[in-house]
Amino acid sequence: MALSLEEFVHSLDLRTLPRVLEIQAGIYFEGSIYEMFGNECCFSTGEVIKITGLKIKKIIAEICEQIEGCESLQPFELPMNFPVRKDIIRILPSLDVEVKDITDSYDANWFLQLLSTEDLFEMTSKEFPIVTEVIEAPQGNHLPQSILQPGKTIVIHKKYLASRILASEIRSNFPKRHFLIPTSYKGKFKRRPREFPTAYDLEIAKSEKEPLHVVATKAFHSPHDKLSSVSVGDQFLVHQSETTEVLCEGIKKVVNVLACEKILKKSYEAALLPLYMEGGFVEVIHDKKQYPISELCKQFRLPFNVKVSVRDLSIEEDVLAATPGLQLEEDITDSYLLISDFANPTECWEIPVGRLNMTVQLVSNFSRDTGPFLVRTLVEEITEEQYYMMRRYESSASHPPPRPPKHPSVEETKLTLLTLAEERTVDLPKSPKRHHVDITKKPHPNQAGLDSKVLVGSQNDLVNEEKERRNRGATAVAETFKNEKHQK
């Protein structure tokens, strides 16, 4: 029995999909062209179409308001995304055409079985490997164009979860680029200095592997005798957090502090910094070793800063090597498909399920024994939206401790790192090898001086990064000195 398309949709039980329909009498006779959203298709009388699902284009809603005992209805439309996919036609149910359900008398297998990357990942692992033909190729992918192009036959070997390191450019005067770096990346990195806005950030960043050595970039005047004041250029070795009692308006209060050693010219001095301290610190890096990314992530706690020192020679264009510096932020686990060219099934590529839109047609199962795979992974540059979606997803699983409250009486004096590098060029004592020390002991005697070249080199690195990051230079430094003299 023939029905209008709208009547058929209203009476359709979604659990019975897919359904096969035959175009009957209506406006759209043989040769008529149906166009929607810039996509054209031809409906002919007797044409057979397969209904695979229903998508909502808009919702009609009504607001009901009670006004003096009367109901006032305000109907309005809510537009929704209505994408059109190649080789899959989306038609409105209001199309003036009659259809006939012939599902029971038609072999639905004659239709193309089109699958998206999401559809493929929902398949069970036992169904792989499979042979497919690319119907719709992804846009802007970094794989060789000869693999993912319409009409190409590919093998999808398996699905799995893989680890990536989420990284961002260290840059503030331009939009930051974001990357997903595989642990198989063959380039090497050198560590770069980190910045810490508070003493609490120092507590989070300290490591058992080595003492955290920092330079203060802001002044802090302590309101209590037991707590240390800080001047711009002071250097500290950060050890452990503890608590101490201070007298506040005649009342004893327990304060969380960070036990440090202040580096003097020939000795060390015990220092207690309150965790709420809104100071400013920059790390001094003594480590000149070059690390592969897998070793970096094993030895140091994320996040930390690096720069590519040796690019990955196995890839034609290493986008990471051109960046001024990177912050390695999080270890991300994501969904991937392993694919290869049907003609060369041993060379495989990983493609991300959620960020590579591809449509394929299922051809057959793949029964050949390919032996060991050569898996090629690529550094993937992601968009700002994709970056924040990943950060939002990852951060929902863990809840870091809240930062301590700000102290209302903190007085700060800001100086740029450029000024600091010009003023602080004196030799300093070498860092002790111990990670934890008793800060009540006397300063370390007979300590040799720190290698001034290492310190100055680290400060010069900081100067270069500061120039790029804040786009100041000598003019800003001069203005800072001018303001200070005026205040005096």
Protein backbone atom coordinates (compact mmCIF):
# COMPACT_ATOMS: atom_id res chain seq x y z
CA MET A 1 0.00 0.00 0.00
CA ALA A 2 1.35 3.40 -1.03
CA LEU A 3 1.75 6.11 1.63
CA SER A 4 3.03 9.66 1.55
CA LEU A 5 6.60 9.87 2.80
CA GLU A 6 5.42 11.88 5.82
CA GLU A 7 2.81 9.26 6.75
CA PHE A 8 5.41 6.54 6.43
CA VAL A 9 7.84 8.38 8.75
CA HIS A 10 5.13 9.01 11.36
CA SER A 11 4.14 5.34 11.40
CA LEU A 12 7.71 4.02 11.33
CA ASP A 13 8.99 1.86 14.17
CA LEU A 14 12.72 2.69 14.43
CA ARG A 15 13.44 -0.80 15.71
CA THR A 16 12.54 -2.19 12.25
CA LEU A 17 15.19 -0.16 10.38
CA PRO A 18 16.58 -0.39 7.79
CA ARG A 19 13.56 -0.36 5.44
CA VAL A 20 13.50 -0.50 1.63
CA LEU A 21 11.07 1.84 -0.18
CA GLU A 22 9.98 2.18 -3.79
CA ILE A 23 9.10 5.63 -5.16
CA GLN A 24 5.43 5.71 -6.28
CA ALA A 25 3.20 8.44 -7.76
CA GLY A 26 3.84 12.05 -6.77
CA ILE A 27 5.36 15.28 -7.95
CA TYR A 28 8.76 13.64 -8.45
CA PHE A 29 8.24 11.72 -11.64
CA GLU A 30 11.00 10.16 -13.68
CA GLY A 31 13.90 12.50 -14.24
CA SER A 32 12.92 15.01 -11.53
CA ILE A 33 15.78 16.66 -9.62
CA TYR A 34 15.63 17.00 -5.84
CA GLU A 35 17.99 19.60 -4.33
CA MET A 36 18.64 20.38 -0.69
CA PHE A 37 21.54 22.26 0.90
CA GLY A 38 23.39 22.37 -2.41
CA ASN A 39 23.22 18.59 -2.98
CA GLU A 40 21.27 17.23 -5.93
CA CYS A 41 19.86 13.77 -6.55
CA CYS A 42 17.44 12.31 -9.05
CA PHE A 43 14.26 10.51 -7.97
CA SER A 44 12.58 8.40 -10.63
CA THR A 45 9.26 6.60 -10.42
CA GLY A 46 10.12 3.04 -9.46
CA GLU A 47 13.40 4.12 -7.78
CA VAL A 48 14.36 2.00 -4.76
CA ILE A 49 15.86 3.69 -1.69
CA LYS A 50 17.00 2.31 1.65
CA ILE A 51 16.03 4.15 4.85
CA THR A 52 18.81 3.61 7.41
CA GLY A 53 17.86 6.12 10.10
CA LEU A 54 16.11 9.33 11.06
CA LYS A 55 17.83 12.60 11.92
CA ILE A 56 16.19 15.62 13.58
CA LYS A 57 16.53 18.85 11.61
CA LYS A 58 14.53 21.12 13.90
CA ILE A 59 12.28 20.99 16.92
CA ILE A 60 8.96 22.80 17.24
CA ALA A 61 8.53 23.92 20.84
CA GLU A 62 5.86 25.90 22.68
CA ILE A 63 6.19 28.07 25.78
CA CYS A 64 3.09 27.94 27.97
CA GLU A 65 2.48 30.96 30.19
CA GLN A 66 -0.37 31.46 32.65
CA ILE A 67 -1.67 35.02 32.23
CA GLU A 68 -4.75 35.78 34.33
CA GLY A 69 -6.10 32.30 33.97
CA CYS A 70 -5.46 32.09 30.22
CA GLU A 71 -2.80 30.07 28.46
CA SER A 72 -0.63 31.90 25.94
CA LEU A 73 1.19 29.67 23.45
CA GLN A 74 4.34 30.97 21.80
CA PRO A 75 5.57 28.54 19.16
CA PHE A 76 9.15 28.89 17.84
CA GLU A 77 11.72 26.76 15.98
CA LEU A 78 15.09 25.49 17.26
CA PRO A 79 17.46 24.93 14.29
CA MET A 80 19.91 22.01 14.54
CA ASN A 81 22.87 20.84 12.48
CA PHE A 82 21.73 18.94 9.42
CA PRO A 83 24.83 17.50 7.71
CA VAL A 84 24.71 15.84 4.31
CA ARG A 85 27.18 13.04 3.66
CA LYS A 86 28.38 12.05 0.22
CA ASP A 87 26.53 9.05 -1.22
CA ILE A 88 24.07 9.20 1.66
CA ILE A 89 21.01 11.29 0.80
CA ARG A 90 19.00 13.05 3.51
CA ILE A 91 15.43 13.98 2.55
CA LEU A 92 12.69 15.80 4.43
CA PRO A 93 9.64 13.70 5.33
CA SER A 94 7.45 16.49 3.93
CA LEU A 95 8.66 15.72 0.40
CA ASP A 96 5.50 15.41 -1.71
CA VAL A 97 6.02 11.87 -2.96
CA GLU A 98 4.34 8.54 -2.29
CA VAL A 99 6.37 5.48 -1.30
CA LYS A 100 5.76 1.77 -0.87
CA ASP A 101 7.51 -0.42 1.71
CA ILE A 102 9.00 -3.40 -0.16
CA THR A 103 11.46 -4.53 2.51
CA ASP A 104 10.05 -8.07 2.77
CA SER A 105 10.40 -8.69 -0.97
CA TYR A 106 13.78 -7.02 -1.60
CA ASP A 107 17.34 -8.09 -0.84
CA ALA A 108 18.78 -5.18 1.18
CA ASN A 109 22.31 -6.53 0.70
CA TRP A 110 22.32 -5.03 -2.78
CA PHE A 111 22.81 -1.62 -1.18
CA LEU A 112 26.25 -0.31 -0.36
CA GLN A 113 27.29 -0.95 3.22
CA LEU A 114 28.84 2.41 4.11
CA LEU A 115 30.77 2.75 7.35
CA SER A 116 32.30 5.78 9.09
CA THR A 117 35.42 5.62 11.24
CA GLU A 118 33.12 5.57 14.30
CA ASP A 119 31.14 2.67 12.81
CA LEU A 120 34.36 0.76 12.23
CA PHE A 121 35.52 1.27 15.79
CA GLU A 122 32.19 -0.07 17.10
CA MET A 123 32.82 -3.39 15.33
CA THR A 124 34.13 -6.23 17.46
CA SER A 125 37.84 -7.03 17.36
CA LYS A 126 37.06 -10.49 15.93
CA GLU A 127 35.64 -8.91 12.75
CA PHE A 128 39.05 -7.50 11.76
CA PRO A 129 40.98 -7.45 9.48
CA ILE A 130 38.64 -6.32 6.70
CA VAL A 131 39.02 -4.97 3.15
CA THR A 132 37.22 -1.71 2.38
CA GLU A 133 36.99 0.81 -0.43
CA VAL A 134 37.35 4.51 0.41
CA ILE A 135 34.14 6.34 -0.57
CA GLU A 136 34.79 9.66 1.12
CA ALA A 137 38.38 10.64 1.94
CA PRO A 138 39.28 12.78 4.96
CA GLN A 139 40.27 16.40 4.40
CA GLY A 140 43.64 17.75 5.45
CA ASN A 141 45.10 14.43 6.64
CA HIS A 142 48.87 13.98 6.78
CA LEU A 143 48.93 10.43 5.45
CA PRO A 144 50.27 9.79 1.95
CA GLN A 145 47.54 10.87 -0.46
CA SER A 146 47.89 7.61 -2.37
CA ILE A 147 46.39 5.70 0.59
CA LEU A 148 43.25 7.60 1.55
CA GLN A 149 41.59 8.75 -1.63
CA PRO A 150 38.17 7.89 -3.13
CA GLY A 151 38.20 4.52 -4.86
CA LYS A 152 41.31 3.26 -3.04
CA THR A 153 41.17 -0.23 -1.52
CA ILE A 154 42.58 -0.39 1.99
CA VAL A 155 42.91 -2.97 4.74
CA ILE A 156 41.72 -2.11 8.25
CA HIS A 157 43.74 -4.47 10.44
CA LYS A 158 42.46 -3.71 13.93
CA LYS A 159 41.21 -1.15 16.41
CA TYR A 160 42.88 -0.26 19.70
CA LEU A 161 43.70 2.46 22.23
CA ALA A 162 47.08 4.20 21.95
CA SER A 163 48.97 6.70 24.09
CA ARG A 164 49.83 10.24 22.99
CA ILE A 165 51.51 13.15 24.73
CA LEU A 166 49.45 16.33 24.54
CA ALA A 167 51.76 19.30 23.95
CA SER A 168 51.41 23.05 23.31
CA GLU A 169 53.76 25.66 21.93
CA ILE A 170 55.42 27.93 24.49
CA ARG A 171 54.25 31.19 22.99
CA SER A 172 52.09 34.06 24.17
CA ASN A 173 52.17 36.71 21.45
CA PHE A 174 50.76 34.38 18.79
CA PRO A 175 48.01 31.72 18.85
CA LYS A 176 49.45 28.54 20.30
CA ARG A 177 49.60 25.36 18.26
CA HIS A 178 48.73 22.05 19.90
CA PHE A 179 50.07 18.59 19.09
CA LEU A 180 49.60 14.93 19.91
CA ILE A 181 53.03 13.28 19.99
CA PRO A 182 53.37 9.47 19.79
CA THR A 183 55.88 7.84 22.13
CA SER A 184 57.53 6.39 19.01
CA TYR A 185 58.64 9.90 17.93
CA LYS A 186 62.35 9.56 17.09
CA GLY A 187 63.46 13.13 17.72
CA LYS A 188 65.25 14.21 20.91
CA PHE A 189 64.48 16.95 23.40
CA LYS A 190 66.33 19.18 25.84
CA ARG A 191 64.63 20.43 28.98
CA ARG A 192 63.70 24.10 29.14
CA PRO A 193 63.00 26.36 32.16
CA ARG A 194 59.51 26.42 33.66
CA GLU A 195 57.73 29.40 35.21
CA PHE A 196 55.90 29.16 38.55
CA PRO A 197 53.44 31.87 39.62
CA THR A 198 53.19 30.79 43.29
CA ALA A 199 55.11 28.88 45.93
CA TYR A 200 52.33 26.29 45.76
CA ASP A 201 53.33 25.57 42.15
CA LEU A 202 56.87 24.91 43.37
CA GLU A 203 55.50 22.34 45.81
CA ILE A 204 53.70 20.55 42.96
CA ALA A 205 56.73 20.64 40.64
CA LYS A 206 59.42 19.48 43.08
CA SER A 207 60.92 16.09 42.32
CA GLU A 208 62.74 13.34 44.16
CA LYS A 209 65.12 13.02 41.21
CA GLU A 210 66.83 16.37 41.72
CA PRO A 211 66.42 19.55 43.78
CA LEU A 212 64.29 22.21 42.10
CA HIS A 213 66.49 25.29 41.55
CA VAL A 214 64.59 28.54 40.91
CA VAL A 215 65.21 32.28 40.59
CA ALA A 216 62.69 34.77 42.02
CA THR A 217 61.24 37.28 39.54
CA LYS A 218 58.96 39.10 42.02
CA ALA A 219 59.57 40.56 45.45
CA PHE A 220 57.65 39.34 48.51
CA HIS A 221 57.60 41.02 51.92
CA SER A 222 56.82 38.55 54.67
CA PRO A 223 54.27 39.73 57.28
CA HIS A 224 55.73 37.30 59.88
CA ASP A 225 59.20 36.95 61.40
CA LYS A 226 59.30 33.18 60.91
CA LEU A 227 58.64 33.45 57.18
CA SER A 228 61.21 34.62 54.65
CA SER A 229 61.00 37.72 52.50
CA VAL A 230 62.08 37.46 48.87
CA SER A 231 63.88 39.91 46.60
CA VAL A 232 64.06 39.80 42.83
CA GLY A 233 67.03 37.65 41.83
CA ASP A 234 67.08 35.51 44.98
CA GLN A 235 67.80 31.87 44.22
CA PHE A 236 66.40 28.89 46.09
CA LEU A 237 66.69 25.13 46.26
CA VAL A 238 63.21 23.76 46.92
CA HIS A 239 62.93 20.81 49.32
CA GLN A 240 59.75 19.81 51.13
CA SER A 241 56.48 21.24 52.40
CA GLU A 242 55.74 21.43 56.13
CA THR A 243 53.82 23.52 58.64
CA THR A 244 54.88 26.20 61.12
CA GLU A 245 53.17 28.43 63.69
CA VAL A 246 53.00 32.19 63.23
CA LEU A 247 51.56 34.92 65.44
CA CYS A 248 48.74 36.79 63.70
CA GLU A 249 47.17 39.65 65.73
CA GLY A 250 48.07 37.90 68.96
CA ILE A 251 46.68 34.54 67.84
CA LYS A 252 48.84 31.56 66.90
CA LYS A 253 47.99 30.13 63.48
CA VAL A 254 49.37 27.13 61.59
CA VAL A 255 50.66 28.02 58.11
CA ASN A 256 51.65 25.65 55.30
CA VAL A 257 55.14 26.53 54.13
CA LEU A 258 57.77 25.36 51.68
CA ALA A 259 61.17 24.59 53.20
CA CYS A 260 63.92 25.90 50.91
CA GLU A 261 67.55 26.88 50.98
CA LYS A 262 68.43 30.37 49.82
CA ILE A 263 71.67 30.32 47.80
CA LEU A 264 74.15 32.94 48.98
CA LYS A 265 77.56 33.71 47.46
CA LYS A 266 79.50 31.19 49.53
CA SER A 267 76.87 29.43 51.63
CA TYR A 268 73.20 28.59 52.09
CA GLU A 269 70.51 30.02 54.31
CA ALA A 270 67.35 28.27 55.52
CA ALA A 271 64.14 29.81 54.17
CA LEU A 272 60.44 29.21 54.73
CA LEU A 273 58.10 30.39 51.97
CA PRO A 274 54.33 30.38 52.61
CA LEU A 275 52.45 28.32 50.05
CA TYR A 276 49.99 31.17 49.51
CA MET A 277 52.88 33.39 48.37
CA GLU A 278 52.11 34.96 45.01
CA GLY A 279 55.68 35.25 43.97
CA GLY A 280 57.18 34.52 40.63
CA PHE A 281 59.89 31.97 39.95
CA VAL A 282 61.78 30.65 36.95
CA GLU A 283 63.55 27.31 36.91
CA VAL A 284 67.32 27.09 36.39
CA ILE A 285 68.16 24.04 34.25
CA HIS A 286 71.54 22.36 34.78
CA ASP A 287 70.63 19.25 32.78
CA LYS A 288 72.04 19.40 29.24
CA LYS A 289 71.16 15.82 28.30
CA GLN A 290 69.12 15.02 25.19
CA TYR A 291 66.12 12.75 25.81
CA PRO A 292 63.75 10.73 23.63
CA ILE A 293 60.16 11.48 24.59
CA SER A 294 59.57 8.04 26.11
CA GLU A 295 62.48 8.50 28.54
CA LEU A 296 61.44 12.06 29.37
CA CYS A 297 57.96 10.97 30.42
CA LYS A 298 59.36 8.16 32.58
CA GLN A 299 61.88 10.31 34.46
CA PHE A 300 59.98 13.58 34.95
CA ARG A 301 56.49 14.45 36.08
CA LEU A 302 54.25 16.21 33.57
CA PRO A 303 53.92 19.07 32.78
CA PHE A 304 57.41 20.28 31.87
CA ASN A 305 59.04 22.32 29.12
CA VAL A 306 61.27 21.07 26.31
CA LYS A 307 62.72 22.04 22.96
CA VAL A 308 63.53 19.73 20.06
CA SER A 309 67.30 19.40 19.85
CA VAL A 310 67.40 16.64 17.20
CA ARG A 311 64.53 16.37 14.75
CA ASP A 312 62.92 13.09 13.72
CA LEU A 313 64.79 12.11 10.55
CA SER A 314 62.32 9.33 9.73
CA ILE A 315 59.64 11.84 8.65
CA GLU A 316 59.86 14.30 5.79
CA GLU A 317 58.68 17.36 7.72
CA ASP A 318 59.03 17.48 11.49
CA VAL A 319 56.60 20.19 12.65
CA LEU A 320 57.90 19.99 16.23
CA ALA A 321 61.43 20.99 15.23
CA ALA A 322 60.21 24.40 14.04
CA THR A 323 58.56 25.32 17.35
CA PRO A 324 60.38 27.68 19.77
CA GLY A 325 59.57 25.39 22.68
CA LEU A 326 56.93 22.94 23.88
CA GLN A 327 55.13 22.27 27.11
CA LEU A 328 54.42 18.55 27.44
CA GLU A 329 51.15 18.60 29.36
CA GLU A 330 49.33 15.29 29.64
CA ASP A 331 49.45 11.64 28.65
CA ILE A 332 46.31 11.06 26.55
CA THR A 333 44.77 7.70 25.61
CA ASP A 334 42.79 7.82 22.35
CA SER A 335 41.07 5.51 19.83
CA TYR A 336 42.88 4.49 16.63
CA LEU A 337 42.46 2.25 13.58
CA LEU A 338 45.44 0.53 11.98
CA ILE A 339 45.17 0.69 8.17
CA SER A 340 47.32 -0.14 5.15
CA ASP A 341 47.22 -0.07 1.39
CA PHE A 342 45.73 -3.33 0.09
CA ALA A 343 48.70 -3.64 -2.27
CA ASN A 344 51.20 -3.24 0.63
CA PRO A 345 49.56 -4.56 3.80
CA THR A 346 52.78 -4.73 5.85
CA GLU A 347 53.24 -0.93 6.02
CA CYS A 348 50.55 0.32 8.37
CA TRP A 349 49.39 3.72 9.56
CA GLU A 350 47.52 4.76 12.68
CA ILE A 351 44.49 7.00 12.06
CA PRO A 352 42.52 8.71 14.87
CA VAL A 353 38.88 7.68 15.04
CA GLY A 354 37.51 10.91 16.46
CA ARG A 355 39.41 13.42 14.30
CA LEU A 356 39.55 11.80 10.87
CA ASN A 357 36.20 11.66 9.07
CA MET A 358 36.25 8.89 6.48
CA THR A 359 33.53 6.81 4.82
CA VAL A 360 34.32 3.36 3.44
CA GLN A 361 32.41 0.56 1.76
CA LEU A 362 32.86 -2.91 3.19
CA VAL A 363 34.28 -5.23 0.49
CA SER A 364 35.33 -8.48 2.17
CA ASN A 365 37.28 -10.08 4.97
CA PHE A 366 41.07 -10.09 4.72
CA SER A 367 42.51 -13.57 5.01
CA ARG A 368 46.14 -13.14 3.88
CA ASP A 369 48.95 -13.63 6.37
CA THR A 370 50.92 -10.37 6.36
CA GLY A 371 53.47 -11.28 9.03
CA PRO A 372 54.92 -8.49 11.22
CA PHE A 373 53.67 -4.93 10.69
CA LEU A 374 55.72 -1.81 10.17
CA VAL A 375 53.59 0.71 12.06
CA ARG A 376 54.11 4.35 11.16
CA THR A 377 52.87 7.04 13.53
CA LEU A 378 52.70 10.77 12.89
CA VAL A 379 52.75 13.87 15.05
CA GLU A 380 49.19 15.17 14.81
CA GLU A 381 48.43 18.89 14.99
CA ILE A 382 45.00 19.45 16.54
CA THR A 383 42.67 22.43 16.63
CA GLU A 384 42.01 24.66 19.62
CA GLU A 385 38.56 23.09 20.06
CA GLN A 386 39.96 19.55 19.97
CA TYR A 387 42.64 20.54 22.47
CA TYR A 388 40.17 21.86 25.03
CA MET A 389 37.86 18.89 24.54
CA MET A 390 40.75 16.61 25.43
CA ARG A 391 41.78 18.69 28.45
CA ARG A 392 38.19 18.80 29.67
CA TYR A 393 37.83 15.04 29.30
CA GLU A 394 41.11 14.25 31.03
CA SER A 395 40.64 16.71 33.89
CA SER A 396 37.21 15.30 34.71
CA ALA A 397 38.86 12.08 35.88
CA SER A 398 41.19 13.72 38.41
CA HIS A 399 40.71 16.54 40.88
CA PRO A 400 43.92 18.38 41.85
CA PRO A 401 44.05 20.01 45.28
CA PRO A 402 42.80 23.62 45.41
CA ARG A 403 45.30 26.43 45.50
CA PRO A 404 45.78 28.17 48.87
CA PRO A 405 44.01 31.54 49.28
CA LYS A 406 45.81 34.73 48.37
CA HIS A 407 47.26 36.76 51.26
CA PRO A 408 45.76 40.27 51.29
CA SER A 409 48.92 42.04 52.51
CA VAL A 410 51.34 40.75 49.89
CA GLU A 411 53.35 43.52 48.22
CA GLU A 412 54.94 42.73 44.88
CA THR A 413 57.57 44.39 42.70
CA LYS A 414 57.75 43.17 39.10
CA LEU A 415 60.95 43.01 37.05
CA THR A 416 61.46 41.29 33.73
CA LEU A 417 63.81 38.37 33.31
CA LEU A 418 65.85 40.50 30.95
CA THR A 419 66.71 42.87 33.80
CA LEU A 420 67.45 39.90 36.03
CA ALA A 421 69.91 38.42 33.52
CA GLU A 422 71.76 41.73 33.23
CA GLU A 423 72.12 42.17 36.99
CA ARG A 424 72.68 38.60 38.26
CA THR A 425 75.94 37.32 36.75
CA VAL A 426 77.83 36.48 39.97
CA ASP A 427 79.10 32.98 40.82
CA LEU A 428 76.88 30.98 43.16
CA PRO A 429 77.61 27.88 45.27
CA LYS A 430 77.03 24.49 43.72
CA SER A 431 73.73 22.71 44.46
CA PRO A 432 74.10 20.00 47.14
CA LYS A 433 73.50 16.45 45.96
CA ARG A 434 71.06 15.69 48.76
CA HIS A 435 67.34 16.06 47.98
CA HIS A 436 66.19 16.84 51.52
CA VAL A 437 68.09 18.75 54.17
CA ASP A 438 67.50 19.83 57.74
CA ILE A 439 66.97 23.57 57.40
CA THR A 440 67.81 24.09 61.08
CA LYS A 441 71.47 23.18 60.47
CA LYS A 442 74.18 25.74 59.81
CA PRO A 443 74.95 26.77 56.23
CA HIS A 444 77.02 24.31 54.23
CA PRO A 445 80.73 25.06 54.68
CA ASN A 446 83.42 24.89 52.03
CA GLN A 447 81.03 24.55 49.09
CA ALA A 448 82.55 25.18 45.67
CA GLY A 449 80.94 27.87 43.48
CA LEU A 450 78.29 27.03 40.93
CA ASP A 451 79.45 27.01 37.37
CA SER A 452 78.68 30.58 36.40
CA LYS A 453 78.60 29.67 32.72
CA VAL A 454 75.78 27.18 33.32
CA LEU A 455 73.75 29.72 35.28
CA VAL A 456 74.33 32.56 32.87
CA GLY A 457 73.54 30.22 29.98
CA SER A 458 70.25 29.26 31.58
CA GLN A 459 69.43 32.91 32.21
CA ASN A 460 70.25 33.78 28.60
CA ASP A 461 67.84 31.06 27.50
CA LEU A 462 65.23 32.63 29.72
CA VAL A 463 65.95 36.03 28.23
CA ASN A 464 65.36 34.76 24.71
CA GLU A 465 62.10 33.10 25.68
CA GLU A 466 60.98 36.22 27.55
CA LYS A 467 61.66 38.39 24.51
CA GLU A 468 59.50 36.16 22.34
CA ARG A 469 56.83 35.53 24.93
CA ARG A 470 56.22 39.08 26.10
CA ASN A 471 57.47 41.05 23.11
CA ARG A 472 59.11 43.63 25.29
CA GLY A 473 62.84 44.11 24.82
CA ALA A 474 65.06 46.90 25.99
CA THR A 475 62.37 49.59 25.82
CA ALA A 476 60.22 47.85 28.41
CA VAL A 477 63.24 47.39 30.69
CA ALA A 478 64.05 51.08 30.48
CA GLU A 479 60.49 51.97 31.37
CA THR A 480 60.66 49.65 34.38
CA PHE A 481 63.79 51.39 35.73
CA LYS A 482 62.20 54.78 35.07
CA ASN A 483 59.10 53.83 37.07
CA GLU A 484 61.20 52.51 39.94
CA LYS A 485 63.25 55.72 40.16
CA HIS A 486 60.07 57.78 40.08
CA GLN A 487 58.58 55.73 42.93
CA LYS A 488 61.73 56.20 45.00
